[in-house]
Amino acid sequence: MEVAKPRARDATLALLGCRALGATICPSEVARALAAQRDADTNAMDWRALMPIVHAAVDELVAEGVVRLSWKGDALATRAGPYRIRQI
């Protein structure tokens, strides 16, 4: 079973919801959470293989104005290179 983009969106928002207001998460945290869910279902997958779907979900959330991206405290207009995710 392939991980769908809606699950990556949900996982991103869930992780952000567990953080303090203004806190950020790394996209790899989302991928690791999704991989852990798959492991629990005995359908193991390396979290790195989930990064493209996480990036796609984050791109949608940015376009919808739900999250903002940054790197080392500087805002990013679009995803490029390493980045952090913050809920608006």
C-alpha atoms as a PDB file:
ATOM      1  CA  MET A   1       0.000   0.000   0.000  1.00  0.00           C
ATOM      2  CA  GLU A   2       1.318   3.419  -0.951  1.00  0.00           C
ATOM      3  CA  VAL A   3       1.189   6.336   1.474  1.00  0.00           C
ATOM      4  CA  ALA A   4      -1.237   8.909   0.112  1.00  0.00           C
ATOM      5  CA  LYS A   5      -0.664  12.645   0.161  1.00  0.00           C
ATOM      6  CA  PRO A   6      -3.677  13.227   2.470  1.00  0.00           C
ATOM      7  CA  ARG A   7      -1.991  11.056   5.122  1.00  0.00           C
ATOM      8  CA  ALA A   8       1.183  13.133   4.790  1.00  0.00           C
ATOM      9  CA  ARG A   9      -0.869  16.334   5.139  1.00  0.00           C
ATOM     10  CA  ASP A  10      -2.648  14.950   8.204  1.00  0.00           C
ATOM     11  CA  ALA A  11       0.612  13.812   9.780  1.00  0.00           C
ATOM     12  CA  THR A  12       2.198  17.231   9.167  1.00  0.00           C
ATOM     13  CA  LEU A  13      -0.704  19.062  10.796  1.00  0.00           C
ATOM     14  CA  ALA A  14      -0.857  16.566  13.677  1.00  0.00           C
ATOM     15  CA  LEU A  15       2.832  17.021  14.473  1.00  0.00           C
ATOM     16  CA  LEU A  16       2.484  20.793  14.311  1.00  0.00           C
ATOM     17  CA  GLY A  17      -0.557  20.595  16.573  1.00  0.00           C
ATOM     18  CA  CYS A  18       1.549  18.898  19.240  1.00  0.00           C
ATOM     19  CA  ARG A  19       4.123  21.695  19.239  1.00  0.00           C
ATOM     20  CA  ALA A  20       4.118  25.065  20.927  1.00  0.00           C
ATOM     21  CA  LEU A  21       2.696  27.965  18.964  1.00  0.00           C
ATOM     22  CA  GLY A  22       5.349  29.150  16.495  1.00  0.00           C
ATOM     23  CA  ALA A  23       7.430  25.981  16.794  1.00  0.00           C
ATOM     24  CA  THR A  24       8.665  24.269  13.647  1.00  0.00           C
ATOM     25  CA  ILE A  25       9.071  20.695  12.479  1.00  0.00           C
ATOM     26  CA  CYS A  26      11.407  19.081   9.995  1.00  0.00           C
ATOM     27  CA  PRO A  27       9.813  17.312   7.029  1.00  0.00           C
ATOM     28  CA  SER A  28      11.792  14.207   7.962  1.00  0.00           C
ATOM     29  CA  GLU A  29       9.798  14.065  11.215  1.00  0.00           C
ATOM     30  CA  VAL A  30       6.639  13.674   9.127  1.00  0.00           C
ATOM     31  CA  ALA A  31       8.221  10.937   7.011  1.00  0.00           C
ATOM     32  CA  ARG A  32       9.461   9.116  10.119  1.00  0.00           C
ATOM     33  CA  ALA A  33       5.992   9.276  11.681  1.00  0.00           C
ATOM     34  CA  LEU A  34       4.444   7.841   8.522  1.00  0.00           C
ATOM     35  CA  ALA A  35       7.073   5.100   8.382  1.00  0.00           C
ATOM     36  CA  ALA A  36       6.406   4.240  12.028  1.00  0.00           C
ATOM     37  CA  GLN A  37       2.691   3.884  11.240  1.00  0.00           C
ATOM     38  CA  ARG A  38       3.558   1.514   8.395  1.00  0.00           C
ATOM     39  CA  ASP A  39       5.883  -0.453  10.689  1.00  0.00           C
ATOM     40  CA  ALA A  40       3.026  -0.850  13.152  1.00  0.00           C
ATOM     41  CA  ASP A  41       0.992  -2.319  10.301  1.00  0.00           C
ATOM     42  CA  THR A  42       3.918  -4.695   9.523  1.00  0.00           C
ATOM     43  CA  ASN A  43       4.312  -3.014   6.151  1.00  0.00           C
ATOM     44  CA  ALA A  44       7.735  -1.478   6.828  1.00  0.00           C
ATOM     45  CA  MET A  45       9.123   1.287   4.651  1.00  0.00           C
ATOM     46  CA  ASP A  46      12.237   3.398   4.922  1.00  0.00           C
ATOM     47  CA  TRP A  47      11.250   6.957   5.878  1.00  0.00           C
ATOM     48  CA  ARG A  48      13.527   8.392   3.157  1.00  0.00           C
ATOM     49  CA  ALA A  49      11.323   6.795   0.492  1.00  0.00           C
ATOM     50  CA  LEU A  50       8.391   8.812   1.878  1.00  0.00           C
ATOM     51  CA  MET A  51      10.088  12.223   1.500  1.00  0.00           C
ATOM     52  CA  PRO A  52       8.725  12.985  -2.018  1.00  0.00           C
ATOM     53  CA  ILE A  53       5.116  12.572  -0.840  1.00  0.00           C
ATOM     54  CA  VAL A  54       5.843  14.666   2.263  1.00  0.00           C
ATOM     55  CA  HIS A  55       7.343  17.425   0.097  1.00  0.00           C
ATOM     56  CA  ALA A  56       4.290  17.346  -2.179  1.00  0.00           C
ATOM     57  CA  ALA A  57       1.929  17.593   0.792  1.00  0.00           C
ATOM     58  CA  VAL A  58       3.928  20.481   2.251  1.00  0.00           C
ATOM     59  CA  ASP A  59       3.845  22.283  -1.104  1.00  0.00           C
ATOM     60  CA  GLU A  60       0.034  22.052  -1.054  1.00  0.00           C
ATOM     61  CA  LEU A  61      -0.174  23.299   2.524  1.00  0.00           C
ATOM     62  CA  VAL A  62       2.039  26.273   1.623  1.00  0.00           C
ATOM     63  CA  ALA A  63      -0.079  27.076  -1.449  1.00  0.00           C
ATOM     64  CA  GLU A  64      -3.219  26.967   0.717  1.00  0.00           C
ATOM     65  CA  GLY A  65      -1.658  29.303   3.291  1.00  0.00           C
ATOM     66  CA  VAL A  66      -1.840  26.755   6.096  1.00  0.00           C
ATOM     67  CA  VAL A  67       1.908  26.576   6.807  1.00  0.00           C
ATOM     68  CA  ARG A  68       5.010  28.663   6.240  1.00  0.00           C
ATOM     69  CA  LEU A  69       8.516  27.492   5.516  1.00  0.00           C
ATOM     70  CA  SER A  70      11.783  28.754   6.939  1.00  0.00           C
ATOM     71  CA  TRP A  71      15.432  27.884   7.276  1.00  0.00           C
ATOM     72  CA  LYS A  72      17.593  29.109  10.148  1.00  0.00           C
ATOM     73  CA  GLY A  73      14.868  31.601  11.035  1.00  0.00           C
ATOM     74  CA  ASP A  74      14.604  33.114   7.557  1.00  0.00           C
ATOM     75  CA  ALA A  75      11.281  32.800   5.732  1.00  0.00           C
ATOM     76  CA  LEU A  76      11.220  30.829   2.486  1.00  0.00           C
ATOM     77  CA  ALA A  77       8.645  31.606  -0.206  1.00  0.00           C
ATOM     78  CA  THR A  78       8.918  28.082  -1.630  1.00  0.00           C
ATOM     79  CA  ARG A  79      10.519  24.819  -0.670  1.00  0.00           C
ATOM     80  CA  ALA A  80      14.179  24.765  -1.671  1.00  0.00           C
ATOM     81  CA  GLY A  81      16.935  22.825   0.020  1.00  0.00           C
ATOM     82  CA  PRO A  82      16.606  22.211   3.747  1.00  0.00           C
ATOM     83  CA  TYR A  83      13.565  23.757   5.402  1.00  0.00           C
ATOM     84  CA  ARG A  84      11.391  23.800   8.504  1.00  0.00           C
ATOM     85  CA  ILE A  85       7.584  23.912   8.626  1.00  0.00           C
ATOM     86  CA  ARG A  86       5.519  26.236  10.841  1.00  0.00           C
ATOM     87  CA  GLN A  87       1.758  26.404  11.180  1.00  0.00           C
ATOM     88  CA  ILE A  88       0.227  29.818  10.514  1.00  0.00           C
END
